[in-house]
N, C-alpha and C. Protein backbone atom coordinates (compact mmCIF):
# COMPACT_ATOMS: atom_id res chain seq x y z
N UNK A 1 2.81 28.85 7.17
CA UNK A 1 3.94 28.45 6.33
C UNK A 1 3.70 28.96 4.92
N UNK A 2 4.75 29.50 4.33
CA UNK A 2 4.65 29.94 2.95
C UNK A 2 5.13 28.80 2.06
N UNK A 3 4.28 28.42 1.13
CA UNK A 3 4.58 27.31 0.24
C UNK A 3 5.38 27.78 -0.96
N UNK A 4 6.34 26.98 -1.37
CA UNK A 4 7.09 27.24 -2.61
C UNK A 4 6.32 26.57 -3.73
N UNK A 5 6.05 27.31 -4.77
CA UNK A 5 5.20 26.82 -5.86
C UNK A 5 5.82 25.66 -6.63
N UNK A 6 7.14 25.59 -6.68
CA UNK A 6 7.80 24.59 -7.51
C UNK A 6 8.11 23.28 -6.78
N UNK A 7 7.74 23.18 -5.49
CA UNK A 7 8.00 21.96 -4.71
C UNK A 7 6.67 21.48 -4.15
N UNK A 8 6.36 20.18 -4.32
CA UNK A 8 5.09 19.67 -3.79
C UNK A 8 4.97 19.93 -2.28
N UNK A 9 3.74 20.23 -1.85
CA UNK A 9 3.52 20.54 -0.43
C UNK A 9 3.92 19.40 0.49
N UNK A 10 3.65 18.16 0.09
CA UNK A 10 4.01 17.04 0.96
C UNK A 10 5.51 17.03 1.19
N UNK A 11 6.28 17.35 0.15
CA UNK A 11 7.74 17.34 0.24
C UNK A 11 8.22 18.45 1.18
N UNK A 12 7.59 19.61 1.11
CA UNK A 12 7.95 20.71 1.99
C UNK A 12 7.61 20.37 3.44
N UNK A 13 6.46 19.76 3.66
CA UNK A 13 6.08 19.32 5.00
C UNK A 13 7.06 18.28 5.52
N UNK A 14 7.40 17.34 4.66
CA UNK A 14 8.36 16.29 5.02
C UNK A 14 9.66 16.92 5.52
N UNK A 15 10.16 17.90 4.79
CA UNK A 15 11.42 18.54 5.16
C UNK A 15 11.32 19.26 6.50
N UNK A 16 10.17 19.90 6.77
CA UNK A 16 9.98 20.58 8.05
C UNK A 16 9.99 19.56 9.19
N UNK A 17 9.26 18.47 9.02
CA UNK A 17 9.18 17.46 10.08
C UNK A 17 10.52 16.74 10.23
N UNK A 18 11.18 16.47 9.13
CA UNK A 18 12.51 15.86 9.19
C UNK A 18 13.48 16.75 9.99
N UNK A 19 13.39 18.05 9.77
CA UNK A 19 14.24 19.00 10.50
C UNK A 19 13.89 19.00 11.99
N UNK A 20 12.59 18.92 12.30
CA UNK A 20 12.17 18.87 13.70
C UNK A 20 12.65 17.60 14.39
N UNK A 21 12.71 16.51 13.65
CA UNK A 21 13.24 15.26 14.22
C UNK A 21 14.74 15.44 14.47
N UNK A 22 15.45 16.02 13.51
CA UNK A 22 16.90 16.21 13.63
C UNK A 22 17.27 17.15 14.78
N UNK A 23 16.45 18.19 15.00
CA UNK A 23 16.81 19.15 16.05
C UNK A 23 16.23 18.78 17.42
N UNK A 24 15.52 17.64 17.49
CA UNK A 24 15.01 17.17 18.77
C UNK A 24 13.63 17.67 19.15
N UNK A 25 13.00 18.49 18.30
CA UNK A 25 11.64 18.93 18.58
C UNK A 25 10.74 17.72 18.75
N UNK A 26 10.92 16.73 17.87
CA UNK A 26 10.24 15.44 17.99
C UNK A 26 11.32 14.44 18.40
N UNK A 27 11.28 14.04 19.66
CA UNK A 27 12.33 13.19 20.21
C UNK A 27 12.20 11.74 19.76
N UNK A 28 13.33 11.02 19.69
CA UNK A 28 13.29 9.59 19.36
C UNK A 28 12.37 8.84 20.32
N UNK A 29 11.48 8.05 19.77
CA UNK A 29 10.52 7.30 20.56
C UNK A 29 9.26 8.10 20.87
N UNK A 30 9.30 9.40 20.64
CA UNK A 30 8.14 10.26 20.89
C UNK A 30 7.17 10.25 19.73
N UNK A 31 5.95 10.64 20.02
CA UNK A 31 4.92 10.63 18.98
C UNK A 31 5.01 11.85 18.08
N UNK A 32 4.68 11.62 16.82
CA UNK A 32 4.54 12.71 15.86
C UNK A 32 3.10 13.20 15.91
N UNK A 33 2.84 14.41 15.41
CA UNK A 33 1.46 14.89 15.37
C UNK A 33 0.58 13.96 14.53
N UNK A 34 -0.68 13.91 14.88
CA UNK A 34 -1.64 13.09 14.13
C UNK A 34 -1.92 13.72 12.77
N UNK A 35 -2.58 12.98 11.92
CA UNK A 35 -2.99 13.49 10.60
C UNK A 35 -3.81 14.76 10.79
N UNK A 36 -4.77 14.72 11.70
CA UNK A 36 -5.64 15.88 11.94
C UNK A 36 -4.82 17.08 12.41
N UNK A 37 -3.86 16.85 13.30
CA UNK A 37 -3.02 17.94 13.79
C UNK A 37 -2.14 18.51 12.68
N UNK A 38 -1.60 17.65 11.84
CA UNK A 38 -0.78 18.12 10.71
C UNK A 38 -1.62 18.95 9.74
N UNK A 39 -2.85 18.50 9.50
CA UNK A 39 -3.76 19.25 8.62
C UNK A 39 -4.02 20.64 9.18
N UNK A 40 -4.24 20.72 10.48
CA UNK A 40 -4.52 22.00 11.12
C UNK A 40 -3.29 22.91 11.08
N UNK A 41 -2.13 22.36 11.35
CA UNK A 41 -0.91 23.17 11.38
C UNK A 41 -0.51 23.68 10.00
N UNK A 42 -0.57 22.80 9.01
CA UNK A 42 -0.07 23.15 7.68
C UNK A 42 -1.15 23.56 6.69
N UNK A 43 -2.42 23.37 7.06
CA UNK A 43 -3.51 23.76 6.17
C UNK A 43 -3.59 22.90 4.92
N UNK A 44 -3.38 21.60 5.08
CA UNK A 44 -3.42 20.68 3.94
C UNK A 44 -4.52 19.64 4.14
N UNK A 45 -4.79 18.88 3.09
CA UNK A 45 -5.78 17.81 3.14
C UNK A 45 -5.20 16.62 3.90
N UNK A 46 -6.09 15.76 4.42
CA UNK A 46 -5.65 14.57 5.14
C UNK A 46 -4.79 13.67 4.27
N UNK A 47 -5.10 13.58 3.00
CA UNK A 47 -4.32 12.74 2.09
C UNK A 47 -2.85 13.20 2.05
N UNK A 48 -2.65 14.52 2.06
CA UNK A 48 -1.29 15.06 2.04
C UNK A 48 -0.56 14.73 3.34
N UNK A 49 -1.25 14.90 4.47
CA UNK A 49 -0.63 14.61 5.77
C UNK A 49 -0.30 13.12 5.88
N UNK A 50 -1.20 12.27 5.40
CA UNK A 50 -0.93 10.82 5.43
C UNK A 50 0.29 10.48 4.59
N UNK A 51 0.41 11.12 3.44
CA UNK A 51 1.56 10.87 2.56
C UNK A 51 2.87 11.21 3.27
N UNK A 52 2.87 12.33 3.98
CA UNK A 52 4.08 12.74 4.70
C UNK A 52 4.46 11.68 5.73
N UNK A 53 3.48 11.21 6.50
CA UNK A 53 3.77 10.19 7.51
C UNK A 53 4.24 8.89 6.86
N UNK A 54 3.65 8.53 5.72
CA UNK A 54 4.09 7.33 5.00
C UNK A 54 5.53 7.49 4.52
N UNK A 55 5.86 8.65 4.00
CA UNK A 55 7.22 8.90 3.51
C UNK A 55 8.23 8.86 4.66
N UNK A 56 7.86 9.40 5.82
CA UNK A 56 8.74 9.35 6.99
C UNK A 56 8.98 7.91 7.42
N UNK A 57 7.92 7.09 7.39
CA UNK A 57 8.08 5.67 7.73
C UNK A 57 8.95 4.98 6.69
N UNK A 58 8.74 5.28 5.43
CA UNK A 58 9.53 4.67 4.36
C UNK A 58 11.01 5.01 4.46
N UNK A 59 11.30 6.20 4.98
CA UNK A 59 12.70 6.63 5.14
C UNK A 59 13.32 6.10 6.44
N UNK A 60 12.52 5.40 7.24
CA UNK A 60 13.03 4.86 8.49
C UNK A 60 13.08 5.88 9.63
N UNK A 61 12.47 7.04 9.43
CA UNK A 61 12.48 8.06 10.47
C UNK A 61 11.33 7.91 11.47
N UNK A 62 10.32 7.13 11.10
CA UNK A 62 9.16 6.96 11.96
C UNK A 62 8.60 5.55 11.79
N UNK A 63 7.78 5.17 12.75
CA UNK A 63 7.11 3.86 12.67
C UNK A 63 5.69 4.01 13.20
N UNK A 64 4.80 3.13 12.73
CA UNK A 64 3.39 3.18 13.09
C UNK A 64 3.10 2.21 14.21
N UNK A 65 2.37 2.67 15.21
CA UNK A 65 1.91 1.82 16.29
C UNK A 65 0.39 1.78 16.20
N UNK A 66 -0.18 0.66 15.77
CA UNK A 66 -1.63 0.57 15.62
C UNK A 66 -2.35 0.98 16.91
N UNK A 67 -3.33 1.85 16.75
CA UNK A 67 -4.11 2.33 17.88
C UNK A 67 -3.45 3.43 18.68
N UNK A 68 -2.19 3.74 18.36
CA UNK A 68 -1.46 4.78 19.09
C UNK A 68 -1.10 5.95 18.18
N UNK A 69 -0.53 5.67 17.03
CA UNK A 69 -0.14 6.71 16.10
C UNK A 69 1.24 6.46 15.53
N UNK A 70 1.82 7.50 15.00
CA UNK A 70 3.14 7.41 14.40
C UNK A 70 4.16 8.04 15.34
N UNK A 71 5.27 7.34 15.55
CA UNK A 71 6.31 7.80 16.47
C UNK A 71 7.65 7.90 15.74
N UNK A 72 8.53 8.70 16.31
CA UNK A 72 9.88 8.84 15.77
C UNK A 72 10.66 7.57 16.09
N UNK A 73 11.38 7.07 15.12
CA UNK A 73 12.20 5.88 15.32
C UNK A 73 13.25 6.16 16.39
N UNK A 74 13.37 5.28 17.38
CA UNK A 74 14.40 5.47 18.40
C UNK A 74 15.80 5.40 17.81
N UNK A 75 16.72 6.08 18.46
CA UNK A 75 18.11 6.02 18.02
C UNK A 75 18.65 4.62 18.27
N UNK A 76 19.54 4.14 17.40
CA UNK A 76 20.13 2.82 17.64
C UNK A 76 20.97 2.84 18.91
N UNK A 77 20.97 1.71 19.62
CA UNK A 77 21.77 1.59 20.84
C UNK A 77 23.23 1.45 20.45
N UNK A 78 24.10 2.17 21.12
CA UNK A 78 25.53 2.04 20.79
C UNK A 78 26.03 0.65 21.13
N UNK A 79 26.93 0.18 20.29
CA UNK A 79 27.50 -1.16 20.54
C UNK A 79 28.58 -1.04 21.61
N UNK A 80 28.60 -2.01 22.49
CA UNK A 80 29.56 -1.99 23.60
C UNK A 80 30.87 -2.61 23.21
């Protein structure tokens, strides 16, 4: 990935993962890559990868399952 100098790396990573969630690469209810996997893919420090996952959780796009990892928030069930 080519980094844009004027945008923080965590923000650029966030946007990539947000896009992957939107296009179904990471399905609702499915797991997101681990911190270690994100570090390997994007070439960033663990602190940066953790920040991205925290921001995704803060935006309601993901949730943490202790002992399992971070998963994409399921789509809301349609009202009948």
